[in-house]
Amino acid sequence: QVQLVESGGGLVQAGGSLRLSCAASGLTFSSYAMGWFRQAPGKEREFVAAISWSGGSGVYADSVKGRFTISRDNAKNTVYLQMNSLKPEDTAVYYCAATTLGDRWVLYRENAYHYWGQGTQVTVSS
């Protein structure tokens, strides 16, 4: 049974930082590209960042580029999202997701992902 469990969310002031973690089990983690998505109240879920199975540089939504960094540790079956310079508009439930698809151009698409976590709440106060 595949499980993706996010952690690290919370309440932070604008300009602050948080690091989200997503621990994966039940799959061969190093064979999956990983993504982070978010959903704000009343809005559709949107792409945030993704990283290929081998790591390296990630791909990012324009709204977070330069502020967020995605990384992974295949030895720990974990993907991270370092979020700096947080803004109130970053407030959302953040989800991690896993896909066997490797092409970077598909990693922006929600329907490319096979498995999803339950999400972790991030609230940024002004």
Foldseek 3Di string as FASTA:
>chain_A
DKAWAKDWADEEAAQAKIKMKIAIDDDQLLLKKKFKWWDDPPGDIFGAWIAASNWDAIDGDPVQPPFWGWTDDSVRRMIMIIGGRDDQVVWTWMKMFIANDGDRVCRRPPVRTDDIHPTDTHGYHD
